[in-house]
N, C-alpha and C. Protein backbone atom coordinates (compact mmCIF):
# COMPACT_ATOMS: atom_id res chain seq x y z
N UNK A 1 0.86 -1.27 -0.08
CA UNK A 1 -0.19 0.10 0.00
C UNK A 1 1.03 1.21 -0.05
N UNK A 2 1.93 1.27 0.79
CA UNK A 2 2.77 2.44 0.80
C UNK A 2 3.60 2.63 -0.41
N UNK A 3 3.97 1.48 -1.01
CA UNK A 3 4.52 1.46 -2.21
C UNK A 3 3.73 2.21 -3.40
N UNK A 4 2.48 1.84 -3.39
CA UNK A 4 1.37 2.50 -4.16
C UNK A 4 1.33 3.93 -4.02
N UNK A 5 1.33 4.31 -2.73
CA UNK A 5 1.21 5.76 -2.46
C UNK A 5 2.45 6.44 -2.96
N UNK A 6 3.65 5.86 -2.80
CA UNK A 6 4.87 6.53 -3.20
C UNK A 6 4.86 6.34 -4.95
N UNK A 7 4.30 5.59 -5.51
CA UNK A 7 4.41 5.59 -6.89
C UNK A 7 3.39 6.80 -7.32
N UNK A 8 2.28 6.99 -6.78
CA UNK A 8 1.38 7.98 -7.19
C UNK A 8 2.03 9.15 -6.92
N UNK A 9 2.79 9.46 -5.71
CA UNK A 9 3.59 10.54 -5.37
C UNK A 9 4.55 10.91 -6.45
N UNK A 10 5.35 9.83 -6.75
CA UNK A 10 6.25 10.25 -7.74
C UNK A 10 5.64 10.63 -9.34
N UNK A 11 4.40 10.00 -9.48
CA UNK A 11 3.88 10.31 -10.68
C UNK A 11 3.27 11.67 -10.79
N UNK A 12 2.84 12.10 -9.48
CA UNK A 12 2.33 13.46 -9.35
C UNK A 12 3.39 14.42 -9.63
N UNK A 13 4.55 14.38 -8.88
CA UNK A 13 5.60 15.22 -9.17
C UNK A 13 6.17 15.06 -10.51
N UNK A 14 5.97 14.10 -11.35
CA UNK A 14 6.31 14.03 -12.85
C UNK A 14 5.24 14.72 -13.51
N UNK A 15 4.13 14.69 -13.22
CA UNK A 15 3.07 15.58 -14.01
C UNK A 15 3.28 16.77 -13.72
N UNK A 16 3.34 17.18 -12.47
CA UNK A 16 3.71 18.74 -11.93
C UNK A 16 4.94 19.20 -12.89
N UNK A 17 5.84 18.42 -12.93
CA UNK A 17 7.28 19.07 -13.75
C UNK A 17 6.88 19.24 -15.22
N UNK A 18 6.22 18.15 -15.60
CA UNK A 18 5.88 18.38 -17.17
C UNK A 18 5.02 19.54 -17.23
N UNK A 19 4.05 19.67 -16.63
CA UNK A 19 3.09 20.95 -16.78
C UNK A 19 3.93 22.12 -16.46
N UNK A 20 4.82 22.34 -15.57
CA UNK A 20 5.58 23.37 -15.23
C UNK A 20 6.42 23.67 -16.50
N UNK A 21 7.12 22.64 -17.08
CA UNK A 21 8.09 22.73 -18.18
C UNK A 21 7.11 23.30 -19.33
N UNK A 22 5.94 22.82 -19.56
CA UNK A 22 5.19 23.41 -20.70
C UNK A 22 4.78 24.72 -20.47
N UNK A 23 4.32 25.22 -19.30
CA UNK A 23 4.08 26.57 -19.14
C UNK A 23 5.33 27.32 -19.26
N UNK A 24 6.48 26.91 -18.93
CA UNK A 24 7.85 27.68 -19.08
C UNK A 24 8.20 27.67 -20.64
N UNK A 25 7.85 26.77 -21.32
CA UNK A 25 8.27 26.82 -22.77
C UNK A 25 7.15 27.81 -23.50
N UNK A 26 6.07 27.71 -23.05
CA UNK A 26 4.84 28.77 -23.60
C UNK A 26 5.54 30.09 -23.27
N UNK A 27 5.87 30.40 -22.35
CA UNK A 27 6.15 31.89 -21.77
C UNK A 27 7.49 32.17 -22.32
N UNK A 28 8.29 31.27 -22.60
CA UNK A 28 9.57 31.55 -23.35
C UNK A 28 9.25 31.81 -24.85
N UNK A 29 8.26 30.98 -25.40
CA UNK A 29 8.06 31.38 -26.90
C UNK A 29 7.44 32.65 -26.95
N UNK A 30 6.58 33.16 -26.13
CA UNK A 30 6.03 34.49 -26.11
C UNK A 30 7.08 35.35 -25.96
N UNK A 31 7.94 35.31 -25.05
CA UNK A 31 9.21 36.21 -24.85
C UNK A 31 9.92 36.31 -26.17
N UNK A 32 10.21 35.19 -26.81
CA UNK A 32 10.86 35.20 -28.14
C UNK A 32 10.06 35.97 -29.19
N UNK A 33 8.87 35.96 -29.18
CA UNK A 33 8.25 36.53 -30.17
C UNK A 33 8.35 38.25 -29.93
N UNK A 34 8.09 38.45 -28.51
CA UNK A 34 8.52 40.08 -28.41
C UNK A 34 9.76 40.35 -28.69
N UNK A 35 10.90 39.64 -28.43
CA UNK A 35 12.30 39.91 -28.62
C UNK A 35 12.48 40.05 -30.14
N UNK A 36 11.97 39.03 -30.95
CA UNK A 36 12.04 39.18 -32.35
C UNK A 36 11.55 40.56 -32.87
N UNK A 37 10.36 40.84 -32.38
CA UNK A 37 9.67 42.08 -32.94
C UNK A 37 10.67 43.21 -32.62
N UNK A 38 11.12 43.30 -31.49
CA UNK A 38 12.08 44.40 -30.97
C UNK A 38 13.35 44.51 -31.94
N UNK A 39 13.84 43.33 -32.31
CA UNK A 39 14.97 43.13 -33.22
C UNK A 39 14.67 43.70 -34.49
N UNK A 40 13.51 43.48 -34.98
CA UNK A 40 13.17 43.77 -36.39
C UNK A 40 13.27 45.58 -36.42
N UNK A 41 12.61 45.95 -35.16
CA UNK A 41 12.31 47.59 -35.24
C UNK A 41 13.83 48.08 -35.07
N UNK A 42 14.54 47.43 -34.20
CA UNK A 42 16.01 47.92 -33.99
C UNK A 42 16.79 47.77 -35.34
N UNK A 43 16.68 46.65 -36.27
CA UNK A 43 17.41 46.53 -37.49
C UNK A 43 16.89 47.62 -38.37
N UNK A 44 15.48 47.92 -38.47
CA UNK A 44 15.08 49.08 -39.37
C UNK A 44 15.84 50.29 -38.86
N UNK A 45 15.75 50.66 -37.61
CA UNK A 45 16.29 51.65 -37.14
C UNK A 45 17.77 51.87 -37.44
N UNK A 46 18.44 50.90 -37.29
CA UNK A 46 20.02 50.87 -37.60
C UNK A 46 20.22 51.10 -39.21
N UNK A 47 19.37 50.50 -40.13
CA UNK A 47 19.47 50.96 -41.49
C UNK A 47 19.32 52.50 -41.58
N UNK A 48 18.16 52.96 -41.04
CA UNK A 48 17.88 54.71 -41.32
C UNK A 48 19.19 55.30 -40.69
N UNK A 49 19.59 54.84 -39.61
CA UNK A 49 20.77 55.71 -39.02
C UNK A 49 22.15 55.54 -39.79
N UNK A 50 22.20 54.27 -40.61
CA UNK A 50 23.40 54.14 -41.46
C UNK A 50 23.24 55.16 -42.55
N UNK A 51 22.17 54.94 -43.20
CA UNK A 51 21.77 55.82 -44.55
C UNK A 51 21.96 57.55 -44.08
N UNK A 52 21.37 57.93 -42.96
CA UNK A 52 21.77 59.35 -42.66
C UNK A 52 23.14 59.62 -42.23
N UNK A 53 24.06 58.67 -41.63
CA UNK A 53 25.23 58.90 -41.22
C UNK A 53 26.17 58.82 -42.48
N UNK A 54 25.50 58.04 -43.65
CA UNK A 54 26.42 58.03 -44.83
C UNK A 54 26.18 59.42 -45.79
N UNK A 55 25.05 59.88 -45.51
CA UNK A 55 24.78 61.12 -46.31
C UNK A 55 25.38 62.35 -45.51
N UNK A 56 25.56 62.11 -44.20
CA UNK A 56 26.19 63.39 -43.67
C UNK A 56 27.70 63.36 -43.42
N UNK A 57 28.24 62.43 -44.09
CA UNK A 57 29.83 62.37 -44.03
C UNK A 57 30.43 63.41 -45.00
N UNK A 58 31.65 63.92 -44.81
CA UNK A 58 32.34 64.80 -45.79
C UNK A 58 33.46 64.05 -46.13
N UNK A 59 33.47 63.38 -47.26
CA UNK A 59 34.70 62.55 -47.82
C UNK A 59 35.76 63.53 -48.35
N UNK A 60 35.56 64.78 -48.57
CA UNK A 60 36.61 65.55 -48.88
C UNK A 60 37.59 66.00 -48.02
N UNK A 61 37.29 65.69 -46.68
CA UNK A 61 38.09 66.01 -45.63
C UNK A 61 39.09 64.80 -45.13
N UNK A 62 38.71 63.62 -45.66
CA UNK A 62 39.44 62.47 -45.43
C UNK A 62 40.84 62.71 -46.14
N UNK A 63 41.88 62.37 -45.56
CA UNK A 63 43.44 62.63 -46.11
C UNK A 63 43.47 61.71 -47.47
N UNK A 64 43.95 62.08 -48.59
CA UNK A 64 44.25 61.28 -49.69
C UNK A 64 43.22 61.27 -50.68
N UNK A 65 41.97 62.11 -50.47
CA UNK A 65 40.86 61.98 -51.30
C UNK A 65 40.49 63.40 -51.93
N UNK A 66 41.45 64.37 -51.87
CA UNK A 66 41.20 65.70 -52.55
C UNK A 66 40.78 65.58 -53.99
N UNK A 67 39.71 66.10 -54.05
CA UNK A 67 39.28 66.36 -55.61
C UNK A 67 38.96 64.86 -56.28
N UNK A 68 38.49 63.87 -55.46
CA UNK A 68 38.33 62.62 -56.12
C UNK A 68 36.81 62.43 -55.95
N UNK A 69 36.20 62.23 -57.32
CA UNK A 69 34.87 62.14 -57.55
C UNK A 69 34.14 60.84 -56.98
N UNK A 70 34.97 59.75 -56.99
CA UNK A 70 34.64 58.47 -56.50
C UNK A 70 34.90 58.18 -55.15
N UNK A 71 35.35 59.05 -54.31
CA UNK A 71 35.45 58.60 -52.86
C UNK A 71 34.43 58.22 -52.25
N UNK A 72 33.18 59.00 -52.47
CA UNK A 72 31.96 58.49 -51.84
C UNK A 72 31.52 57.26 -52.22
N UNK A 73 31.64 56.88 -53.36
CA UNK A 73 31.16 55.44 -53.96
C UNK A 73 32.21 54.45 -53.35
N UNK A 74 33.57 54.65 -52.97
CA UNK A 74 34.33 53.78 -52.56
C UNK A 74 34.04 53.59 -51.10
N UNK A 75 33.91 54.67 -50.29
CA UNK A 75 33.50 54.65 -48.95
C UNK A 75 32.06 53.79 -48.51
N UNK A 76 31.18 53.92 -49.64
CA UNK A 76 29.91 53.34 -49.58
C UNK A 76 30.01 51.74 -49.75
N UNK A 77 30.76 51.58 -50.77
CA UNK A 77 31.03 50.05 -51.16
C UNK A 77 31.74 49.36 -49.91
N UNK A 78 32.88 50.15 -49.36
CA UNK A 78 33.50 49.45 -48.16
C UNK A 78 32.64 49.27 -47.09
N UNK A 79 31.70 50.24 -46.78
CA UNK A 79 30.66 50.03 -45.81
C UNK A 79 29.73 48.89 -45.94
N UNK A 80 29.29 48.84 -47.27
CA UNK A 80 28.48 47.59 -47.38
C UNK A 80 29.08 46.26 -47.41
N UNK A 81 30.34 46.42 -47.79
CA UNK A 81 31.18 44.94 -47.80
C UNK A 81 31.21 44.71 -46.37
N UNK A 82 31.66 45.43 -45.59
CA UNK A 82 31.91 45.16 -44.06
C UNK A 82 30.72 44.64 -43.69
N UNK A 83 29.53 45.25 -43.95
CA UNK A 83 28.22 44.74 -43.37
C UNK A 83 27.86 43.47 -43.83
N UNK A 84 28.14 43.01 -45.11
CA UNK A 84 27.72 41.72 -45.62
C UNK A 84 28.70 40.65 -44.89
N UNK A 85 29.90 40.99 -44.90
CA UNK A 85 30.95 40.13 -44.07
C UNK A 85 30.37 39.87 -42.67
N UNK A 86 30.11 41.02 -41.91
CA UNK A 86 29.52 40.61 -40.50
C UNK A 86 28.36 39.82 -40.51
N UNK A 87 27.37 39.95 -41.56
CA UNK A 87 26.17 39.27 -41.59
C UNK A 87 26.53 37.81 -41.75
N UNK A 88 27.38 37.55 -42.88
CA UNK A 88 27.70 36.07 -42.84
C UNK A 88 28.65 35.43 -41.87
N UNK A 89 29.47 35.98 -41.18
CA UNK A 89 30.12 35.70 -40.12
C UNK A 89 28.92 35.23 -38.84
N UNK A 90 28.17 36.13 -38.65
CA UNK A 90 27.23 35.95 -37.67
C UNK A 90 26.32 34.79 -37.87
N UNK A 91 25.95 34.67 -39.19
CA UNK A 91 25.21 33.37 -39.58
C UNK A 91 25.88 32.17 -39.39
N UNK A 92 27.02 32.22 -39.65
CA UNK A 92 28.14 30.94 -39.39
C UNK A 92 28.11 30.63 -38.12
N UNK A 93 28.48 31.52 -37.21
CA UNK A 93 28.76 31.27 -35.79
C UNK A 93 27.54 31.20 -35.04
N UNK A 94 26.39 31.97 -35.26
CA UNK A 94 25.26 31.81 -34.32
C UNK A 94 24.30 30.78 -34.99
N UNK A 95 24.04 30.98 -36.34
CA UNK A 95 23.30 29.97 -37.02
C UNK A 95 21.87 30.52 -36.84
N UNK A 96 21.01 29.88 -37.51
CA UNK A 96 19.46 30.10 -37.42
C UNK A 96 18.89 28.91 -36.77
N UNK A 97 18.04 29.31 -35.76
CA UNK A 97 17.28 28.13 -35.06
C UNK A 97 16.03 27.80 -35.60
N UNK A 98 15.63 26.57 -35.63
CA UNK A 98 14.38 26.22 -36.01
C UNK A 98 13.30 26.37 -35.16
N UNK A 99 12.31 27.06 -35.54
CA UNK A 99 11.06 27.13 -34.32
C UNK A 99 10.50 25.90 -34.17
N UNK A 100 9.81 26.10 -32.95
CA UNK A 100 9.21 24.72 -32.54
C UNK A 100 8.04 24.26 -33.31
N UNK A 101 8.06 23.16 -33.93
CA UNK A 101 7.03 22.49 -35.03
C UNK A 101 5.84 22.05 -34.37
N UNK A 102 4.73 21.90 -35.08
CA UNK A 102 3.58 21.68 -34.48
C UNK A 102 3.61 20.17 -34.03
N UNK A 103 4.43 19.31 -34.92
CA UNK A 103 4.57 17.94 -34.40
C UNK A 103 5.20 17.79 -33.05
N UNK A 104 6.21 18.71 -32.75
CA UNK A 104 6.90 18.53 -31.29
C UNK A 104 5.63 18.86 -30.29
N UNK A 105 5.00 19.87 -30.61
CA UNK A 105 3.93 20.20 -29.56
C UNK A 105 2.93 19.12 -29.42
N UNK A 106 2.46 18.52 -30.52
CA UNK A 106 1.55 17.34 -30.48
C UNK A 106 2.23 16.11 -29.61
N UNK A 107 3.32 15.78 -29.86
CA UNK A 107 4.01 14.71 -29.29
C UNK A 107 4.18 15.05 -27.76
N UNK A 108 4.60 16.36 -27.32
CA UNK A 108 4.45 16.71 -25.81
C UNK A 108 3.12 16.61 -25.26
N UNK A 109 2.07 16.86 -26.01
CA UNK A 109 0.54 16.84 -25.49
C UNK A 109 0.24 15.41 -25.28
N UNK A 110 0.80 14.44 -26.26
CA UNK A 110 0.46 13.02 -26.02
C UNK A 110 1.24 12.34 -24.91
N UNK A 111 2.24 12.90 -24.70
CA UNK A 111 3.17 12.46 -23.59
C UNK A 111 2.37 12.74 -22.08
N UNK A 112 1.93 13.92 -22.14
CA UNK A 112 1.16 14.45 -20.82
C UNK A 112 -0.13 13.79 -20.95
N UNK A 113 -0.73 13.41 -21.79
CA UNK A 113 -2.05 12.76 -21.74
C UNK A 113 -1.71 11.20 -21.33
N UNK A 114 -0.56 10.74 -21.69
CA UNK A 114 -0.23 9.23 -21.17
C UNK A 114 0.04 9.27 -19.73
N UNK A 115 0.73 10.22 -19.21
CA UNK A 115 0.86 10.37 -17.84
C UNK A 115 -0.24 10.45 -17.19
N UNK A 116 -1.27 11.28 -17.48
CA UNK A 116 -2.43 11.37 -16.88
C UNK A 116 -3.02 10.23 -16.83
N UNK A 117 -3.21 9.49 -17.94
CA UNK A 117 -3.88 8.17 -17.67
C UNK A 117 -3.20 7.14 -16.95
N UNK A 118 -1.80 7.13 -16.74
CA UNK A 118 -1.14 6.26 -15.78
C UNK A 118 -1.55 6.72 -14.32
N UNK A 119 -1.71 8.00 -14.25
CA UNK A 119 -1.82 8.51 -12.77
C UNK A 119 -3.47 8.18 -12.51
N UNK A 120 -4.32 8.26 -13.45
CA UNK A 120 -5.74 7.82 -13.14
C UNK A 120 -5.90 6.28 -12.82
N UNK A 121 -5.05 5.42 -13.54
CA UNK A 121 -4.98 4.17 -13.26
C UNK A 121 -4.50 3.88 -11.90
N UNK A 122 -3.43 4.38 -11.45
CA UNK A 122 -2.95 4.18 -10.20
C UNK A 122 -3.96 4.55 -9.00
N UNK A 123 -4.52 5.80 -9.23
CA UNK A 123 -5.31 6.19 -8.33
C UNK A 123 -6.71 5.19 -8.26
N UNK A 124 -7.24 4.81 -9.32
CA UNK A 124 -8.17 3.73 -9.28
C UNK A 124 -7.83 2.43 -8.56
N UNK A 125 -6.54 2.07 -8.89
CA UNK A 125 -6.02 0.80 -8.33
C UNK A 125 -6.11 1.14 -6.78
N UNK A 126 -5.58 2.18 -6.25
CA UNK A 126 -5.37 2.38 -4.89
C UNK A 126 -7.00 2.55 -4.26
N UNK A 127 -7.72 3.17 -4.95
CA UNK A 127 -9.17 3.20 -4.48
C UNK A 127 -9.63 1.72 -4.35
N UNK A 128 -9.72 0.91 -5.18
CA UNK A 128 -10.03 -0.56 -5.05
C UNK A 128 -9.44 -1.40 -4.03
N UNK A 129 -8.02 -1.14 -3.85
CA UNK A 129 -7.33 -1.75 -2.67
C UNK A 129 -7.93 -1.08 -1.27
N UNK A 130 -8.05 -0.05 -1.20
CA UNK A 130 -8.69 0.51 0.15
C UNK A 130 -10.11 0.05 0.19
N UNK A 131 -10.98 0.04 -0.79
CA UNK A 131 -12.24 -0.65 -0.72
C UNK A 131 -12.19 -2.09 -0.15
N UNK A 132 -11.16 -2.62 -0.56
CA UNK A 132 -11.26 -4.30 -0.26
C UNK A 132 -10.59 -4.38 1.19
N UNK A 133 -9.93 -3.54 1.87
CA UNK A 133 -9.37 -3.50 3.01
C UNK A 133 -10.38 -3.01 4.13
N UNK A 134 -10.82 -3.93 5.15
CA UNK A 134 -11.31 -3.71 6.15
C UNK A 134 -10.81 -4.09 7.49
N UNK A 135 -11.37 -3.66 8.60
CA UNK A 135 -10.87 -4.32 9.85
C UNK A 135 -11.25 -5.75 9.97
N UNK A 136 -12.26 -6.21 9.39
CA UNK A 136 -12.78 -7.74 9.43
C UNK A 136 -11.64 -8.59 8.73
N UNK A 137 -10.94 -8.04 7.74
CA UNK A 137 -10.22 -8.81 6.93
C UNK A 137 -8.76 -8.91 7.52
N UNK A 138 -8.55 -8.17 8.71
CA UNK A 138 -7.14 -8.02 9.20
C UNK A 138 -6.97 -9.43 9.98
N UNK A 139 -5.61 -9.90 10.27
CA UNK A 139 -5.59 -11.06 11.12
C UNK A 139 -5.97 -10.58 12.63
N UNK A 140 -6.30 -11.39 13.53
CA UNK A 140 -6.94 -11.40 14.80
C UNK A 140 -5.92 -10.39 15.68
N UNK A 141 -4.67 -10.57 15.86
CA UNK A 141 -3.82 -9.72 16.60
C UNK A 141 -3.94 -8.23 16.25
N UNK A 142 -3.90 -7.95 15.03
CA UNK A 142 -3.79 -6.54 14.51
C UNK A 142 -5.29 -6.24 14.40
N UNK A 143 -6.21 -6.82 14.23
CA UNK A 143 -7.63 -6.52 14.43
C UNK A 143 -8.03 -6.18 15.81
N UNK A 144 -7.56 -6.78 16.78
CA UNK A 144 -8.14 -6.47 18.12
C UNK A 144 -7.50 -5.07 18.48
N UNK A 145 -6.49 -4.46 18.03
CA UNK A 145 -5.89 -3.18 18.21
C UNK A 145 -6.93 -2.12 17.97
N UNK A 146 -7.89 -2.10 17.19
CA UNK A 146 -8.68 -1.10 16.59
C UNK A 146 -9.96 -1.18 17.37
N UNK A 147 -10.60 0.04 17.45
CA UNK A 147 -11.96 0.01 18.22
C UNK A 147 -12.75 -0.12 16.77
N UNK A 148 -13.98 -0.92 17.11
CA UNK A 148 -15.03 -1.19 15.95
C UNK A 148 -15.58 0.06 15.33
N UNK A 149 -15.66 1.26 15.93
CA UNK A 149 -16.48 2.16 15.40
C UNK A 149 -15.24 3.38 14.87
N UNK A 150 -14.24 3.10 14.93
CA UNK A 150 -13.14 4.01 14.40
C UNK A 150 -13.14 4.28 12.84
N UNK A 151 -12.76 5.44 12.44
CA UNK A 151 -12.88 5.70 10.95
C UNK A 151 -11.39 5.76 10.50
N UNK A 152 -10.62 5.17 11.00
CA UNK A 152 -9.21 4.97 10.47
C UNK A 152 -8.73 3.70 10.29
N UNK A 153 -7.50 3.69 9.75
CA UNK A 153 -6.81 2.35 9.36
C UNK A 153 -5.29 2.73 9.66
N UNK A 154 -4.82 1.95 10.62
CA UNK A 154 -3.24 2.20 10.97
C UNK A 154 -2.50 1.10 10.11
N UNK A 155 -1.47 1.54 9.34
CA UNK A 155 -0.64 0.65 8.64
C UNK A 155 0.74 0.59 9.36
N UNK A 156 0.83 -0.71 9.66
CA UNK A 156 2.40 -1.00 10.26
C UNK A 156 3.43 -1.62 9.52
């Protein structure tokens, strides 16, 4: 009887852990969406900032480019190439992460349903065992220790 109660307790903690991790994953996904939107706004702002900075520079003041009509084009192409290199390096090192697929969510839901079914089965089994145990079924020395009108059962 104690083993069954321990098994039910372990299953309860397992179900609680699964439910908490599911809620945690949901909150993390929601936070990821907000972070993604903020990153997009930041990226758009960065592009606008770079364009205004590019048109605000004075390339005639840079040493070695006096009266050079192509200095602005060279500076712009260098700036664009550095940006492309940075994007490629970041993609290689950081990589793109795949979002959570519907199949993974479905598998997680099925696992949780299976755990709930196991818990229900254990609870029903313990209820059946408790129903079959009465003071009259106990051996005489153990049965003598109880009052006949008591509403409790002592497990030794």
